[in-house]
Structures are given as structure tokens and as C-alpha cells.
Amino acid sequence: MQRDENIASQAYLLLDYAQRLDRHREGRRAVQIHLSRLKPQNRREQHIRVAVNTFQEIVAQYDGQVFVLSNCDLMFLFKDAKISDIDEAVMRLRFLFSEDPLAQGNDDEDLARFCTWYNIQANYNQFLEIAENIYEEEQRRERRLAAAAEAAGEMEPTADDRKPLNPEQLGRLEDFLERADLSSVLRRQHICAVIGENPPQSIFKELFI
């Protein structure tokens, strides 16, 4: 498959990763979190960042990889993990969105709307086809958006009057960054979940700039 340089995306990276698993299927599974089904106000950028951080703690532990698709879905691939360990992270994430209709209800059908599990080792070809479909759908979506923007006249080239840094300027910038105190722009905050009238419960800490 040739990559379209104009459509670089997490969907492409997912497909590329899935293709490279062909000879490394043993113990591999995946779970897709359908955040695209959340209400718009619950899938803003900050919500997606919190969702990704929920899995970051176990990515290295289980040789994992997280992909954030353009529709806001998360695809988490992992190896040699107990389903219960990953399910705990999924349920913690579901708890974070418990005010949304998508995360409500405890029937199997309710849980299936929130996430889909894949056994890559046993059904590799099926998972590869799913990754291909995700990539193709994202290509179609990007083309539709590009066509709409072009029709609206939003893609007219604009002059870029910025000048590249010369070696002297780059050296001064490097010296400045080495001496700069960045503590004033670093922030640490607790990510908490608030359910009903219960007090906030800390889920994890986030460090950001």
C-alpha cells in the first residue's frame, strides 16, 4: 500500500502497525473505545487527552500502542495481558464519562456500545480488514473536508513572509533556552471524576506546559 502524503493520520499508522503484526500475532489483542459516540460536549480535546492518559500507564507494561482516530475513537493494542487488567482501565474510562448516555447501563449491549474487543492472534485477517476500513473511511472523510474547504475558497495559498533563523539567531535561542527557568510554565493538576453529589475522586495526575 502506498501512503498518500496529503493524508497522514493515526488511521494510517494503525494500519501500518497492524500489517507489521502479521508475524507477531501471538498474545496480541486490541480494544476500540467508541468515544465518537459520546455527545459532542463530552469529546472535546481535553476529554480525549484524559482518555489517552488512562491507557498510558499500561502501554509499556503490555507492549501496547494507542491510536487516536480522527473520529475520536481510541484503539489500544496490547500483548500478553489479562483481559481483566485492560478491562479495569476501560471501566475507569467509562466511569469518567458516566454522565454521558454512552457510558450508562450495565447490560452486555450497553458495554458493547462503549467498546469493542478484538483477538488479533485468533482473528488477525479480520482485524487487518477493520484497520483497512478505518483508514479508507478516514481518507474519504479528509477528501470530503478538503473539497468543501476548496469550494468555500478557504484553500487559496497565502504568502509566508517568515524568514528562517540564521545560525547566529539559532545559537542565541539555544543559549536562552538553556538558561531559561521553565518552572513558571509547568503545571501539575489532578484529573478527577465527579459523580452525582459524591466528592471528587482523583483518577491520576497530569503534567503539562
Protein backbone atom coordinates (compact mmCIF):
# COMPACT_ATOMS: atom_id res chain seq x y z
CA MET A 1 0.00 0.00 0.00
CA GLN A 2 1.32 3.42 -0.93
CA ARG A 3 0.87 6.20 1.56
CA ASP A 4 -0.91 9.33 0.44
CA GLU A 5 1.42 12.08 1.65
CA ASN A 6 -1.50 14.51 1.87
CA ILE A 7 -3.38 12.33 4.35
CA ALA A 8 -1.01 11.48 7.19
CA SER A 9 -3.08 10.20 10.08
CA GLN A 10 -3.31 7.93 13.08
CA ALA A 11 -5.51 5.68 10.94
CA TYR A 12 -2.59 5.17 8.56
CA LEU A 13 -0.25 4.46 11.48
CA LEU A 14 -2.76 1.95 12.86
CA LEU A 15 -2.93 0.16 9.52
CA ASP A 16 0.84 0.14 9.18
CA TYR A 17 1.18 -1.26 12.71
CA ALA A 18 -1.44 -3.93 12.04
CA GLN A 19 0.33 -5.02 8.87
CA ARG A 20 3.62 -5.40 10.74
CA LEU A 21 1.90 -7.65 13.31
CA ASP A 22 1.41 -10.34 10.67
CA ARG A 23 4.39 -12.32 12.00
CA HIS A 24 3.97 -11.22 15.61
CA ARG A 25 0.37 -12.11 16.37
CA GLU A 26 0.93 -14.27 19.43
CA GLY A 27 -0.75 -12.87 22.53
CA ARG A 28 -1.98 -9.77 20.69
CA ARG A 29 -5.38 -8.25 21.37
CA ALA A 30 -6.99 -4.85 20.94
CA VAL A 31 -9.86 -2.80 22.28
CA GLN A 32 -11.58 0.03 20.47
CA ILE A 33 -13.17 2.70 22.67
CA HIS A 34 -16.05 4.33 20.77
CA LEU A 35 -15.66 7.88 22.03
CA SER A 36 -17.11 9.03 18.71
CA ARG A 37 -20.50 8.01 20.13
CA LEU A 38 -20.24 10.44 23.04
CA LYS A 39 -22.20 13.68 22.91
CA PRO A 40 -20.15 16.49 21.27
CA GLN A 41 -19.65 18.35 24.54
CA ASN A 42 -18.04 15.23 26.03
CA ARG A 43 -15.46 14.60 23.31
CA ARG A 44 -13.54 17.84 23.23
CA GLU A 45 -9.77 17.82 23.02
CA GLN A 46 -9.28 17.81 26.79
CA HIS A 47 -11.59 14.81 27.15
CA ILE A 48 -9.66 12.83 24.56
CA ARG A 49 -6.36 13.72 26.24
CA VAL A 50 -7.65 12.42 29.57
CA ALA A 51 -8.87 9.24 27.88
CA VAL A 52 -5.45 8.61 26.29
CA ASN A 53 -3.72 9.18 29.63
CA THR A 54 -5.90 6.48 31.16
CA PHE A 55 -4.08 3.92 29.00
CA GLN A 56 -0.61 5.45 29.09
CA GLU A 57 0.12 3.82 32.44
CA ILE A 58 -0.19 0.33 30.95
CA VAL A 59 1.19 0.95 27.43
CA ALA A 60 4.77 -0.01 28.27
CA GLN A 61 3.71 -2.76 30.65
CA TYR A 62 1.92 -4.69 27.92
CA ASP A 63 3.94 -3.69 24.84
CA GLY A 64 0.99 -1.50 23.94
CA GLN A 65 0.20 1.17 21.40
CA VAL A 66 -2.61 3.76 21.47
CA PHE A 67 -4.03 5.33 18.32
CA VAL A 68 -6.37 8.33 18.42
CA LEU A 69 -8.55 8.22 15.31
CA SER A 70 -9.97 11.32 13.65
CA ASN A 71 -13.48 10.49 14.85
CA CYS A 72 -12.14 10.49 18.46
CA ASP A 73 -12.22 6.71 18.87
CA LEU A 74 -9.25 5.13 20.65
CA MET A 75 -7.66 1.89 19.50
CA PHE A 76 -5.44 0.28 22.14
CA LEU A 77 -3.35 -2.73 21.08
CA PHE A 78 -1.53 -4.82 23.68
CA LYS A 79 0.22 -8.15 24.23
CA ASP A 80 0.09 -10.91 26.87
CA ALA A 81 -2.26 -9.07 29.20
CA LYS A 82 -5.11 -10.43 31.25
CA ILE A 83 -8.40 -9.18 29.91
CA SER A 84 -9.32 -8.19 33.45
CA ASP A 85 -6.32 -5.82 33.65
CA ILE A 86 -7.28 -4.00 30.45
CA ASP A 87 -10.96 -4.11 31.34
CA GLU A 88 -10.15 -2.28 34.56
CA ALA A 89 -8.72 0.62 32.53
CA VAL A 90 -11.74 0.53 30.21
CA MET A 91 -14.15 0.66 33.13
CA ARG A 92 -12.18 3.51 34.70
CA LEU A 93 -12.53 5.40 31.44
CA ARG A 94 -16.23 4.57 31.27
CA PHE A 95 -16.56 5.93 34.80
CA LEU A 96 -15.06 9.24 33.68
CA PHE A 97 -17.84 9.62 31.09
CA SER A 98 -20.59 8.24 33.33
CA GLU A 99 -22.76 11.32 32.81
CA ASP A 100 -22.98 10.58 29.07
CA PRO A 101 -25.69 8.18 27.82
CA LEU A 102 -22.99 6.09 26.10
CA ALA A 103 -21.49 5.09 29.46
CA GLN A 104 -24.75 4.26 31.19
CA GLY A 105 -26.30 0.85 31.69
CA ASN A 106 -24.67 -2.44 32.64
CA ASP A 107 -26.14 -4.86 30.13
CA ASP A 108 -23.87 -6.55 27.60
CA GLU A 109 -25.43 -4.41 24.89
CA ASP A 110 -24.61 -1.24 26.84
CA LEU A 111 -20.99 -2.31 27.30
CA ALA A 112 -20.69 -3.25 23.62
CA ARG A 113 -21.73 0.27 22.59
CA PHE A 114 -18.82 1.70 24.58
CA CYS A 115 -16.05 -0.61 23.38
CA THR A 116 -15.24 -3.50 21.03
CA TRP A 117 -12.66 -6.20 21.77
CA TYR A 118 -10.50 -7.92 19.14
CA ASN A 119 -8.49 -11.13 19.39
CA ILE A 120 -5.71 -10.36 16.91
CA GLN A 121 -3.95 -13.68 17.42
CA ALA A 122 -7.04 -15.71 16.56
CA ASN A 123 -8.63 -13.34 14.02
CA TYR A 124 -5.74 -11.41 12.50
CA ASN A 125 -7.20 -11.12 8.99
CA GLN A 126 -10.47 -9.79 10.39
CA PHE A 127 -8.64 -7.15 12.44
CA LEU A 128 -6.46 -6.17 9.47
CA GLU A 129 -9.59 -5.67 7.39
CA ILE A 130 -11.05 -3.46 10.13
CA ALA A 131 -7.85 -1.36 10.17
CA GLU A 132 -8.02 -1.05 6.37
CA ASN A 133 -11.67 0.06 6.55
CA ILE A 134 -10.84 2.66 9.21
CA TYR A 135 -8.05 4.07 7.05
CA GLU A 136 -10.18 4.13 3.89
CA GLU A 137 -13.06 5.83 5.69
CA GLU A 138 -10.69 8.46 7.05
CA GLN A 139 -9.32 9.07 3.57
CA ARG A 140 -12.84 9.62 2.27
CA ARG A 141 -13.59 11.97 5.16
CA GLU A 142 -10.44 14.01 4.57
CA ARG A 143 -11.22 14.30 0.87
CA ARG A 144 -14.75 15.48 1.62
CA LEU A 145 -13.42 18.12 4.01
CA ALA A 146 -10.76 19.24 1.53
CA ALA A 147 -13.33 19.50 -1.26
CA ALA A 148 -15.68 21.51 0.97
CA ALA A 149 -12.88 23.86 2.01
CA GLU A 150 -11.76 24.35 -1.57
CA ALA A 151 -15.30 25.07 -2.69
CA ALA A 152 -15.57 27.69 0.04
CA GLY A 153 -12.37 29.35 -1.13
CA GLU A 154 -10.51 28.54 2.06
CA MET A 155 -7.57 26.83 0.37
CA GLU A 156 -6.13 29.78 -1.52
CA PRO A 157 -2.38 29.93 -0.91
CA THR A 158 -1.19 32.72 1.33
CA ALA A 159 2.21 34.36 1.27
CA ASP A 160 4.54 33.31 4.06
CA ASP A 161 6.71 36.28 4.98
CA ARG A 162 8.50 34.48 7.81
CA LYS A 163 12.27 34.18 7.47
CA PRO A 164 14.27 31.16 8.63
CA LEU A 165 16.63 31.58 11.56
CA ASN A 166 20.26 32.10 10.69
CA PRO A 167 22.97 30.23 12.66
CA GLU A 168 23.65 33.24 14.91
CA GLN A 169 19.98 33.63 15.85
CA LEU A 170 19.63 29.90 16.40
CA GLY A 171 22.67 29.93 18.70
CA ARG A 172 21.23 32.78 20.78
CA LEU A 173 17.92 30.94 21.06
CA GLU A 174 19.67 27.78 22.21
CA ASP A 175 21.63 29.71 24.85
CA PHE A 176 18.44 31.36 26.08
CA LEU A 177 16.59 28.04 26.44
CA GLU A 178 19.49 26.53 28.41
CA ARG A 179 19.30 29.37 30.95
CA ALA A 180 15.52 29.75 30.99
CA ASP A 181 13.54 28.83 34.10
CA LEU A 182 10.60 26.83 32.81
CA SER A 183 9.07 26.15 36.21
CA SER A 184 6.63 29.03 35.71
CA VAL A 185 5.06 27.36 32.67
CA LEU A 186 4.85 23.84 34.10
CA ARG A 187 1.60 22.83 35.75
CA ARG A 188 0.59 19.71 37.66
CA GLN A 189 -3.06 19.02 38.25
CA HIS A 190 -5.25 16.21 39.46
CA ILE A 191 -7.74 14.76 36.98
CA CYS A 192 -10.86 13.99 38.98
CA ALA A 193 -14.22 12.42 38.32
CA VAL A 194 -17.35 13.86 39.94
CA ILE A 195 -20.39 11.58 40.06
CA GLY A 196 -23.63 12.97 41.39
CA GLU A 197 -23.20 14.54 44.82
CA ASN A 198 -20.15 12.46 45.72
CA PRO A 199 -16.87 14.31 46.39
CA PRO A 200 -14.36 14.45 43.50
CA GLN A 201 -12.25 11.32 43.12
CA SER A 202 -8.70 11.70 41.79
CA ILE A 203 -8.02 9.40 38.83
CA PHE A 204 -4.44 10.46 38.02
CA LYS A 205 -2.12 13.48 37.87
CA GLU A 206 -1.34 15.36 34.68
CA LEU A 207 1.82 17.38 34.00
CA PHE A 208 1.52 19.91 31.18
CA ILE A 209 3.05 23.09 29.79
